[in-house]
């Protein structure tokens, strides 16, 4: 597999503009697109080849849901919150009071 060429501008999927992470890729049919490293990796692993930039955007868009999952009751999250919430010492007991 050949290395994609460096590109300027911004990722056509997410808009990332750090030129150090941008590459130019060829789409089926000869069209070219600029992608960030993450989307270039996704493009290289895609099962179906994109023919246009619009098709590429649809293929690679963020598929994760935007719902807030903090209220779902995560056991690890609860343990970390309990460990770092600052209320683990009893009232009137500070780190400098121990001794």
PDB file of N, CA and C in Angstrom:
ATOM      1  N   UNK A   1       0.841  -1.176   0.000  1.00  0.00           N
ATOM      2  CA  UNK A   1       0.000   0.000   0.000  1.00  0.00           C
ATOM      3  C   UNK A   1       0.887   1.241   0.000  1.00  0.00           C
ATOM      4  N   UNK A   2       0.572   2.187  -0.841  1.00  0.00           N
ATOM      5  CA  UNK A   2       1.382   3.395  -0.921  1.00  0.00           C
ATOM      6  C   UNK A   2       0.914   4.412   0.113  1.00  0.00           C
ATOM      7  N   UNK A   3       1.835   5.234   0.549  1.00  0.00           N
ATOM      8  CA  UNK A   3       1.516   6.299   1.503  1.00  0.00           C
ATOM      9  C   UNK A   3       0.763   7.405   0.788  1.00  0.00           C
ATOM     10  N   UNK A   4      -0.356   7.902   1.393  1.00  0.00           N
ATOM     11  CA  UNK A   4      -1.046   9.025   0.769  1.00  0.00           C
ATOM     12  C   UNK A   4      -0.187  10.286   0.813  1.00  0.00           C
ATOM     13  N   UNK A   5      -0.402  11.173  -0.144  1.00  0.00           N
ATOM     14  CA  UNK A   5       0.369  12.419  -0.207  1.00  0.00           C
ATOM     15  C   UNK A   5      -0.079  13.381   0.883  1.00  0.00           C
ATOM     16  N   UNK A   6       0.844  14.207   1.370  1.00  0.00           N
ATOM     17  CA  UNK A   6       0.510  15.275   2.328  1.00  0.00           C
ATOM     18  C   UNK A   6      -0.428  16.255   1.649  1.00  0.00           C
ATOM     19  N   UNK A   7      -1.319  16.837   2.439  1.00  0.00           N
ATOM     20  CA  UNK A   7      -2.289  17.774   1.876  1.00  0.00           C
ATOM     21  C   UNK A   7      -2.363  19.030   2.717  1.00  0.00           C
ATOM     22  N   UNK A   8      -2.887  20.073   2.126  1.00  0.00           N
ATOM     23  CA  UNK A   8      -3.125  21.327   2.832  1.00  0.00           C
ATOM     24  C   UNK A   8      -4.633  21.548   2.892  1.00  0.00           C
ATOM     25  N   UNK A   9      -5.074  22.467   3.720  1.00  0.00           N
ATOM     26  CA  UNK A   9      -6.496  22.759   3.824  1.00  0.00           C
ATOM     27  C   UNK A   9      -7.073  22.174   5.093  1.00  0.00           C
ATOM     28  N   UNK A  10      -8.125  21.383   4.945  1.00  0.00           N
ATOM     29  CA  UNK A  10      -8.804  20.794   6.099  1.00  0.00           C
ATOM     30  C   UNK A  10      -9.416  19.452   5.701  1.00  0.00           C
ATOM     31  N   UNK A  11      -9.630  18.613   6.692  1.00  0.00           N
ATOM     32  CA  UNK A  11     -10.276  17.317   6.467  1.00  0.00           C
ATOM     33  C   UNK A  11     -11.686  17.567   5.942  1.00  0.00           C
ATOM     34  N   UNK A  12     -12.053  16.907   4.858  1.00  0.00           N
ATOM     35  CA  UNK A  12     -13.370  17.119   4.266  1.00  0.00           C
ATOM     36  C   UNK A  12     -14.486  16.478   5.074  1.00  0.00           C
ATOM     37  N   UNK A  13     -14.136  15.664   6.084  1.00  0.00           N
ATOM     38  CA  UNK A  13     -15.147  15.017   6.916  1.00  0.00           C
ATOM     39  C   UNK A  13     -15.376  15.803   8.204  1.00  0.00           C
ATOM     40  N   UNK A  14     -14.302  16.098   8.941  1.00  0.00           N
ATOM     41  CA  UNK A  14     -14.457  16.731  10.256  1.00  0.00           C
ATOM     42  C   UNK A  14     -13.978  18.173  10.317  1.00  0.00           C
ATOM     43  N   UNK A  15     -13.256  18.618   9.298  1.00  0.00           N
ATOM     44  CA  UNK A  15     -12.786  19.996   9.265  1.00  0.00           C
ATOM     45  C   UNK A  15     -11.480  20.245   9.988  1.00  0.00           C
ATOM     46  N   UNK A  16     -10.813  19.213  10.494  1.00  0.00           N
ATOM     47  CA  UNK A  16      -9.519  19.373  11.170  1.00  0.00           C
ATOM     48  C   UNK A  16      -8.536  20.028  10.205  1.00  0.00           C
ATOM     49  N   UNK A  17      -7.803  21.025  10.701  1.00  0.00           N
ATOM     50  CA  UNK A  17      -6.939  21.779   9.807  1.00  0.00           C
ATOM     51  C   UNK A  17      -5.456  21.695  10.100  1.00  0.00           C
ATOM     52  N   UNK A  18      -5.034  20.835  11.012  1.00  0.00           N
ATOM     53  CA  UNK A  18      -3.616  20.688  11.332  1.00  0.00           C
ATOM     54  C   UNK A  18      -2.931  19.994  10.165  1.00  0.00           C
ATOM     55  N   UNK A  19      -2.161  20.744   9.404  1.00  0.00           N
ATOM     56  CA  UNK A  19      -1.558  20.197   8.189  1.00  0.00           C
ATOM     57  C   UNK A  19      -0.619  19.035   8.454  1.00  0.00           C
ATOM     58  N   UNK A  20      -0.128  18.918   9.681  1.00  0.00           N
ATOM     59  CA  UNK A  20       0.750  17.783   9.999  1.00  0.00           C
ATOM     60  C   UNK A  20      -0.008  16.468   9.980  1.00  0.00           C
ATOM     61  N   UNK A  21      -1.328  16.512  10.151  1.00  0.00           N
ATOM     62  CA  UNK A  21      -2.126  15.290  10.216  1.00  0.00           C
ATOM     63  C   UNK A  21      -2.965  15.067   8.969  1.00  0.00           C
ATOM     64  N   UNK A  22      -2.846  15.929   7.962  1.00  0.00           N
ATOM     65  CA  UNK A  22      -3.672  15.816   6.769  1.00  0.00           C
ATOM     66  C   UNK A  22      -2.975  15.043   5.665  1.00  0.00           C
ATOM     67  N   UNK A  23      -3.765  14.256   4.960  1.00  0.00           N
ATOM     68  CA  UNK A  23      -3.274  13.526   3.794  1.00  0.00           C
ATOM     69  C   UNK A  23      -4.279  13.683   2.666  1.00  0.00           C
ATOM     70  N   UNK A  24      -3.810  13.494   1.459  1.00  0.00           N
ATOM     71  CA  UNK A  24      -4.688  13.518   0.299  1.00  0.00           C
ATOM     72  C   UNK A  24      -4.840  12.085  -0.186  1.00  0.00           C
ATOM     73  N   UNK A  25      -6.086  11.674  -0.392  1.00  0.00           N
ATOM     74  CA  UNK A  25      -6.356  10.307  -0.840  1.00  0.00           C
ATOM     75  C   UNK A  25      -7.094  10.343  -2.170  1.00  0.00           C
ATOM     76  N   UNK A  26      -6.969   9.272  -2.918  1.00  0.00           N
ATOM     77  CA  UNK A  26      -7.680   9.128  -4.182  1.00  0.00           C
ATOM     78  C   UNK A  26      -8.948   8.333  -3.947  1.00  0.00           C
ATOM     79  N   UNK A  27     -10.029   8.809  -4.521  1.00  0.00           N
ATOM     80  CA  UNK A  27     -11.293   8.092  -4.451  1.00  0.00           C
ATOM     81  C   UNK A  27     -11.476   7.311  -5.745  1.00  0.00           C
ATOM     82  N   UNK A  28     -12.377   6.356  -5.731  1.00  0.00           N
ATOM     83  CA  UNK A  28     -12.676   5.592  -6.932  1.00  0.00           C
ATOM     84  C   UNK A  28     -13.152   6.551  -8.014  1.00  0.00           C
ATOM     85  N   UNK A  29     -12.600   6.444  -9.198  1.00  0.00           N
ATOM     86  CA  UNK A  29     -12.970   7.335 -10.283  1.00  0.00           C
ATOM     87  C   UNK A  29     -12.010   8.497 -10.446  1.00  0.00           C
ATOM     88  N   UNK A  30     -11.008   8.602  -9.552  1.00  0.00           N
ATOM     89  CA  UNK A  30      -9.983   9.613  -9.725  1.00  0.00           C
ATOM     90  C   UNK A  30     -10.131  10.877  -8.902  1.00  0.00           C
ATOM     91  N   UNK A  31     -11.270  11.100  -8.248  1.00  0.00           N
ATOM     92  CA  UNK A  31     -11.419  12.294  -7.410  1.00  0.00           C
ATOM     93  C   UNK A  31     -10.434  12.227  -6.247  1.00  0.00           C
ATOM     94  N   UNK A  32     -10.036  13.394  -5.743  1.00  0.00           N
ATOM     95  CA  UNK A  32      -9.093  13.476  -4.624  1.00  0.00           C
ATOM     96  C   UNK A  32      -9.803  14.108  -3.444  1.00  0.00           C
ATOM     97  N   UNK A  33      -9.398  13.729  -2.233  1.00  0.00           N
ATOM     98  CA  UNK A  33     -10.000  14.283  -1.023  1.00  0.00           C
ATOM     99  C   UNK A  33      -8.931  14.454   0.040  1.00  0.00           C
ATOM    100  N   UNK A  34      -9.080  15.476   0.866  1.00  0.00           N
ATOM    101  CA  UNK A  34      -8.179  15.708   1.984  1.00  0.00           C
ATOM    102  C   UNK A  34      -8.820  15.138   3.243  1.00  0.00           C
ATOM    103  N   UNK A  35      -8.054  14.330   3.981  1.00  0.00           N
ATOM    104  CA  UNK A  35      -8.545  13.700   5.205  1.00  0.00           C
ATOM    105  C   UNK A  35      -7.533  13.875   6.325  1.00  0.00           C
ATOM    106  N   UNK A  36      -8.022  13.912   7.561  1.00  0.00           N
ATOM    107  CA  UNK A  36      -7.129  13.866   8.722  1.00  0.00           C
ATOM    108  C   UNK A  36      -6.672  12.414   8.882  1.00  0.00           C
ATOM    109  N   UNK A  37      -5.718  12.192   9.747  1.00  0.00           N
ATOM    110  CA  UNK A  37      -5.178  10.849   9.931  1.00  0.00           C
ATOM    111  C   UNK A  37      -6.232   9.833  10.348  1.00  0.00           C
ATOM    112  N   UNK A  38      -7.128  10.217  11.244  1.00  0.00           N
ATOM    113  CA  UNK A  38      -8.172   9.286  11.708  1.00  0.00           C
ATOM    114  C   UNK A  38      -9.104   8.900  10.574  1.00  0.00           C
ATOM    115  N   UNK A  39      -9.555   9.887   9.813  1.00  0.00           N
ATOM    116  CA  UNK A  39     -10.467   9.574   8.720  1.00  0.00           C
ATOM    117  C   UNK A  39      -9.750   8.872   7.562  1.00  0.00           C
ATOM    118  N   UNK A  40      -8.466   9.137   7.379  1.00  0.00           N
ATOM    119  CA  UNK A  40      -7.699   8.404   6.366  1.00  0.00           C
ATOM    120  C   UNK A  40      -7.608   6.928   6.735  1.00  0.00           C
ATOM    121  N   UNK A  41      -7.412   6.654   8.013  1.00  0.00           N
ATOM    122  CA  UNK A  41      -7.373   5.263   8.475  1.00  0.00           C
ATOM    123  C   UNK A  41      -8.725   4.597   8.250  1.00  0.00           C
ATOM    124  N   UNK A  42      -9.804   5.303   8.601  1.00  0.00           N
ATOM    125  CA  UNK A  42     -11.145   4.753   8.379  1.00  0.00           C
ATOM    126  C   UNK A  42     -11.384   4.498   6.893  1.00  0.00           C
ATOM    127  N   UNK A  43     -10.932   5.431   6.051  1.00  0.00           N
ATOM    128  CA  UNK A  43     -11.080   5.280   4.598  1.00  0.00           C
ATOM    129  C   UNK A  43     -10.331   4.040   4.105  1.00  0.00           C
ATOM    130  N   UNK A  44      -9.126   3.835   4.624  1.00  0.00           N
ATOM    131  CA  UNK A  44      -8.337   2.682   4.171  1.00  0.00           C
ATOM    132  C   UNK A  44      -8.952   1.358   4.618  1.00  0.00           C
ATOM    133  N   UNK A  45      -9.740   1.387   5.684  1.00  0.00           N
ATOM    134  CA  UNK A  45     -10.373   0.168   6.195  1.00  0.00           C
ATOM    135  C   UNK A  45     -11.806  -0.024   5.712  1.00  0.00           C
ATOM    136  N   UNK A  46     -12.343   0.952   5.000  1.00  0.00           N
ATOM    137  CA  UNK A  46     -13.738   0.890   4.558  1.00  0.00           C
ATOM    138  C   UNK A  46     -13.953  -0.291   3.621  1.00  0.00           C
ATOM    139  N   UNK A  47     -15.094  -0.920   3.760  1.00  0.00           N
ATOM    140  CA  UNK A  47     -15.412  -2.070   2.909  1.00  0.00           C
ATOM    141  C   UNK A  47     -15.840  -1.635   1.513  1.00  0.00           C
ATOM    142  N   UNK A  48     -16.540  -0.505   1.436  1.00  0.00           N
ATOM    143  CA  UNK A  48     -16.994   0.005   0.137  1.00  0.00           C
ATOM    144  C   UNK A  48     -16.197   1.253  -0.220  1.00  0.00           C
ATOM    145  N   UNK A  49     -15.806   1.347  -1.478  1.00  0.00           N
ATOM    146  CA  UNK A  49     -15.023   2.489  -1.938  1.00  0.00           C
ATOM    147  C   UNK A  49     -15.940   3.673  -2.219  1.00  0.00           C
ATOM    148  N   UNK A  50     -15.508   4.859  -1.806  1.00  0.00           N
ATOM    149  CA  UNK A  50     -16.267   6.083  -2.077  1.00  0.00           C
ATOM    150  C   UNK A  50     -15.912   6.609  -3.465  1.00  0.00           C
ATOM    151  N   UNK A  51     -16.918   7.123  -4.171  1.00  0.00           N
ATOM    152  CA  UNK A  51     -16.711   7.675  -5.509  1.00  0.00           C
ATOM    153  C   UNK A  51     -16.609   9.191  -5.487  1.00  0.00           C
ATOM    154  N   UNK A  52     -17.271   9.819  -4.509  1.00  0.00           N
ATOM    155  CA  UNK A  52     -17.287  11.281  -4.421  1.00  0.00           C
ATOM    156  C   UNK A  52     -16.961  11.711  -2.988  1.00  0.00           C
ATOM    157  N   UNK A  53     -16.632  12.996  -2.832  1.00  0.00           N
ATOM    158  CA  UNK A  53     -16.360  13.527  -1.490  1.00  0.00           C
ATOM    159  C   UNK A  53     -17.616  13.445  -0.631  1.00  0.00           C
ATOM    160  N   UNK A  54     -18.778  13.721  -1.222  1.00  0.00           N
ATOM    161  CA  UNK A  54     -20.040  13.634  -0.473  1.00  0.00           C
ATOM    162  C   UNK A  54     -20.282  12.211   0.025  1.00  0.00           C
ATOM    163  N   UNK A  55     -20.010  11.234  -0.812  1.00  0.00           N
ATOM    164  CA  UNK A  55     -20.160   9.831  -0.430  1.00  0.00           C
ATOM    165  C   UNK A  55     -19.154   9.476   0.672  1.00  0.00           C
ATOM    166  N   UNK A  56     -17.954   9.996   0.563  1.00  0.00           N
ATOM    167  CA  UNK A  56     -16.924   9.766   1.570  1.00  0.00           C
ATOM    168  C   UNK A  56     -17.365  10.330   2.923  1.00  0.00           C
ATOM    169  N   UNK A  57     -17.905  11.554   2.921  1.00  0.00           N
ATOM    170  CA  UNK A  57     -18.402  12.169   4.159  1.00  0.00           C
ATOM    171  C   UNK A  57     -19.480  11.305   4.803  1.00  0.00           C
ATOM    172  N   UNK A  58     -20.401  10.828   3.996  1.00  0.00           N
ATOM    173  CA  UNK A  58     -21.485   9.989   4.509  1.00  0.00           C
ATOM    174  C   UNK A  58     -20.922   8.696   5.095  1.00  0.00           C
ATOM    175  N   UNK A  59     -19.971   8.121   4.416  1.00  0.00           N
ATOM    176  CA  UNK A  59     -19.356   6.865   4.845  1.00  0.00           C
ATOM    177  C   UNK A  59     -18.608   7.012   6.170  1.00  0.00           C
ATOM    178  N   UNK A  60     -17.909   8.138   6.360  1.00  0.00           N
ATOM    179  CA  UNK A  60     -16.995   8.282   7.492  1.00  0.00           C
ATOM    180  C   UNK A  60     -17.520   9.167   8.616  1.00  0.00           C
ATOM    181  N   UNK A  61     -18.714   9.696   8.505  1.00  0.00           N
ATOM    182  CA  UNK A  61     -19.213  10.597   9.545  1.00  0.00           C
ATOM    183  C   UNK A  61     -19.237   9.881  10.894  1.00  0.00           C
ATOM    184  N   UNK A  62     -19.259  10.689  11.950  1.00  0.00           N
ATOM    185  CA  UNK A  62     -19.247  10.150  13.309  1.00  0.00           C
ATOM    186  C   UNK A  62     -20.506   9.335  13.545  1.00  0.00           C
ATOM    187  N   UNK A  63     -20.351   8.062  13.780  1.00  0.00           N
ATOM    188  CA  UNK A  63     -21.491   7.171  13.956  1.00  0.00           C
ATOM    189  C   UNK A  63     -21.896   7.003  15.417  1.00  0.00           C
ATOM    190  N   UNK A  64     -21.103   7.539  16.315  1.00  0.00           N
ATOM    191  CA  UNK A  64     -21.434   7.420  17.737  1.00  0.00           C
ATOM    192  C   UNK A  64     -22.617   8.318  18.065  1.00  0.00           C
ATOM    193  N   UNK A  65     -23.448   7.841  18.951  1.00  0.00           N
ATOM    194  CA  UNK A  65     -24.584   8.646  19.390  1.00  0.00           C
ATOM    195  C   UNK A  65     -24.102   9.795  20.258  1.00  0.00           C
ATOM    196  N   UNK A  66     -24.873  10.831  20.275  1.00  0.00           N
ATOM    197  CA  UNK A  66     -24.514  12.013  21.054  1.00  0.00           C
ATOM    198  C   UNK A  66     -25.221  12.041  22.403  1.00  0.00           C
ATOM    199  N   UNK A  67     -25.845  10.948  22.789  1.00  0.00           N
ATOM    200  CA  UNK A  67     -26.558  10.939  24.063  1.00  0.00           C
ATOM    201  C   UNK A  67     -25.577  11.022  25.224  1.00  0.00           C
ATOM    202  N   UNK A  68     -26.021  11.598  26.298  1.00  0.00           N
ATOM    203  CA  UNK A  68     -25.198  11.734  27.496  1.00  0.00           C
ATOM    204  C   UNK A  68     -25.279  10.433  28.287  1.00  0.00           C
ATOM    205  N   UNK A  69     -24.159   9.735  28.407  1.00  0.00           N
ATOM    206  CA  UNK A  69     -24.153   8.434  29.057  1.00  0.00           C
ATOM    207  C   UNK A  69     -23.716   8.495  30.512  1.00  0.00           C
ATOM    208  N   UNK A  70     -23.518   9.700  31.050  1.00  0.00           N
ATOM    209  CA  UNK A  70     -23.055   9.804  32.425  1.00  0.00           C
ATOM    210  C   UNK A  70     -24.086   9.346  33.437  1.00  0.00           C
ATOM    211  N   UNK A  71     -25.360   9.350  33.091  1.00  0.00           N
ATOM    212  CA  UNK A  71     -26.419   9.006  34.031  1.00  0.00           C
ATOM    213  C   UNK A  71     -26.802   7.528  33.986  1.00  0.00           C
ATOM    214  N   UNK A  72     -26.067   6.712  33.265  1.00  0.00           N
ATOM    215  CA  UNK A  72     -26.438   5.320  33.104  1.00  0.00           C
ATOM    216  C   UNK A  72     -25.986   4.407  34.248  1.00  0.00           C
ATOM    217  N   UNK A  73     -25.235   4.897  35.195  1.00  0.00           N
ATOM    218  CA  UNK A  73     -24.826   4.050  36.315  1.00  0.00           C
ATOM    219  C   UNK A  73     -23.641   3.158  36.001  1.00  0.00           C
ATOM    220  N   UNK A  74     -22.535   3.735  35.694  1.00  0.00           N
ATOM    221  CA  UNK A  74     -21.308   3.016  35.377  1.00  0.00           C
ATOM    222  C   UNK A  74     -20.565   2.725  36.674  1.00  0.00           C
ATOM    223  N   UNK A  75     -20.308   1.459  36.983  1.00  0.00           N
ATOM    224  CA  UNK A  75     -19.663   1.083  38.246  1.00  0.00           C
ATOM    225  C   UNK A  75     -18.259   1.682  38.354  1.00  0.00           C
ATOM    226  N   UNK A  76     -17.496   1.641  37.294  1.00  0.00           N
ATOM    227  CA  UNK A  76     -16.153   2.218  37.328  1.00  0.00           C
ATOM    228  C   UNK A  76     -16.232   3.725  37.524  1.00  0.00           C
ATOM    229  N   UNK A  77     -17.140   4.367  36.808  1.00  0.00           N
ATOM    230  CA  UNK A  77     -17.326   5.809  36.965  1.00  0.00           C
ATOM    231  C   UNK A  77     -17.719   6.173  38.388  1.00  0.00           C
ATOM    232  N   UNK A  78     -18.600   5.382  38.996  1.00  0.00           N
ATOM    233  CA  UNK A  78     -19.010   5.628  40.382  1.00  0.00           C
ATOM    234  C   UNK A  78     -17.826   5.488  41.335  1.00  0.00           C
ATOM    235  N   UNK A  79     -16.990   4.475  41.116  1.00  0.00           N
ATOM    236  CA  UNK A  79     -15.824   4.261  41.983  1.00  0.00           C
ATOM    237  C   UNK A  79     -14.825   5.407  41.845  1.00  0.00           C
ATOM    238  N   UNK A  80     -14.606   5.876  40.624  1.00  0.00           N
ATOM    239  CA  UNK A  80     -13.681   6.992  40.414  1.00  0.00           C
ATOM    240  C   UNK A  80     -14.223   8.284  41.010  1.00  0.00           C
ATOM    241  N   UNK A  81     -15.509   8.513  40.867  1.00  0.00           N
ATOM    242  CA  UNK A  81     -16.117   9.705  41.457  1.00  0.00           C
ATOM    243  C   UNK A  81     -15.979   9.668  42.968  1.00  0.00           C
ATOM    244  N   UNK A  82     -16.252   8.518  43.572  1.00  0.00           N
ATOM    245  CA  UNK A  82     -16.128   8.390  45.024  1.00  0.00           C
ATOM    246  C   UNK A  82     -14.687   8.600  45.483  1.00  0.00           C
ATOM    247  N   UNK A  83     -13.738   8.137  44.696  1.00  0.00           N
ATOM    248  CA  UNK A  83     -12.329   8.250  45.080  1.00  0.00           C
ATOM    249  C   UNK A  83     -11.813   9.676  44.976  1.00  0.00           C
ATOM    250  N   UNK A  84     -12.365  10.470  44.074  1.00  0.00           N
ATOM    251  CA  UNK A  84     -11.811  11.796  43.822  1.00  0.00           C
ATOM    252  C   UNK A  84     -12.758  12.953  44.112  1.00  0.00           C
ATOM    253  N   UNK A  85     -13.857  12.711  44.809  1.00  0.00           N
ATOM    254  CA  UNK A  85     -14.826  13.781  45.003  1.00  0.00           C
ATOM    255  C   UNK A  85     -14.488  14.728  46.150  1.00  0.00           C
ATOM    256  N   UNK A  86     -13.485  14.445  46.966  1.00  0.00           N
ATOM    257  CA  UNK A  86     -13.072  15.351  48.031  1.00  0.00           C
ATOM    258  C   UNK A  86     -13.831  15.166  49.324  1.00  0.00           C
ATOM    259  N   UNK A  87     -14.866  14.364  49.348  1.00  0.00           N
ATOM    260  CA  UNK A  87     -15.666  14.155  50.561  1.00  0.00           C
ATOM    261  C   UNK A  87     -15.307  12.869  51.282  1.00  0.00           C
ATOM    262  N   UNK A  88     -14.197  12.268  50.970  1.00  0.00           N
ATOM    263  CA  UNK A  88     -13.871  10.977  51.562  1.00  0.00           C
ATOM    264  C   UNK A  88     -13.374  11.080  53.002  1.00  0.00           C
ATOM    265  N   UNK A  89     -12.984  12.277  53.433  1.00  0.00           N
ATOM    266  CA  UNK A  89     -12.581  12.457  54.826  1.00  0.00           C
ATOM    267  C   UNK A  89     -13.781  12.923  55.623  1.00  0.00           C
ATOM    268  N   UNK A  90     -13.809  12.586  56.865  1.00  0.00           N
ATOM    269  CA  UNK A  90     -14.915  12.981  57.718  1.00  0.00           C
ATOM    270  C   UNK A  90     -14.894  14.486  57.965  1.00  0.00           C
ATOM    271  N   UNK A  91     -15.998  15.038  58.506  1.00  0.00           N
ATOM    272  CA  UNK A  91     -16.044  16.466  58.765  1.00  0.00           C
ATOM    273  C   UNK A  91     -14.973  16.890  59.787  1.00  0.00           C
ATOM    274  N   UNK A  92     -14.339  18.008  59.528  1.00  0.00           N
ATOM    275  CA  UNK A  92     -13.322  18.520  60.456  1.00  0.00           C
ATOM    276  C   UNK A  92     -11.993  17.792  60.364  1.00  0.00           C
ATOM    277  N   UNK A  93     -11.882  16.829  59.477  1.00  0.00           N
ATOM    278  CA  UNK A  93     -10.651  16.063  59.352  1.00  0.00           C
ATOM    279  C   UNK A  93      -9.965  16.422  58.051  1.00  0.00           C
ATOM    280  N   UNK A  94      -8.846  17.039  58.098  1.00  0.00           N
ATOM    281  CA  UNK A  94      -8.086  17.464  56.933  1.00  0.00           C
ATOM    282  C   UNK A  94      -6.780  16.678  56.901  1.00  0.00           C
ATOM    283  N   UNK A  95      -6.121  16.680  55.786  1.00  0.00           N
ATOM    284  CA  UNK A  95      -4.846  15.968  55.665  1.00  0.00           C
ATOM    285  C   UNK A  95      -3.802  16.468  56.656  1.00  0.00           C
ATOM    286  N   UNK A  96      -3.805  17.759  56.959  1.00  0.00           N
ATOM    287  CA  UNK A  96      -2.812  18.295  57.886  1.00  0.00           C
ATOM    288  C   UNK A  96      -3.170  18.002  59.341  1.00  0.00           C
ATOM    289  N   UNK A  97      -4.452  17.581  59.621  1.00  0.00           N
ATOM    290  CA  UNK A  97      -4.872  17.270  60.982  1.00  0.00           C
ATOM    291  C   UNK A  97      -4.475  15.877  61.414  1.00  0.00           C
ATOM    292  N   UNK A  98      -4.180  15.006  60.443  1.00  0.00           N
ATOM    293  CA  UNK A  98      -3.834  13.614  60.773  1.00  0.00           C
ATOM    294  C   UNK A  98      -2.469  13.585  61.456  1.00  0.00           C
ATOM    295  N   UNK A  99      -2.385  12.700  62.376  1.00  0.00           N
ATOM    296  CA  UNK A  99      -1.062  12.629  62.905  1.00  0.00           C
ATOM    297  C   UNK A  99      -0.971  11.989  64.172  1.00  0.00           C
TER     298      UNK A  99
END
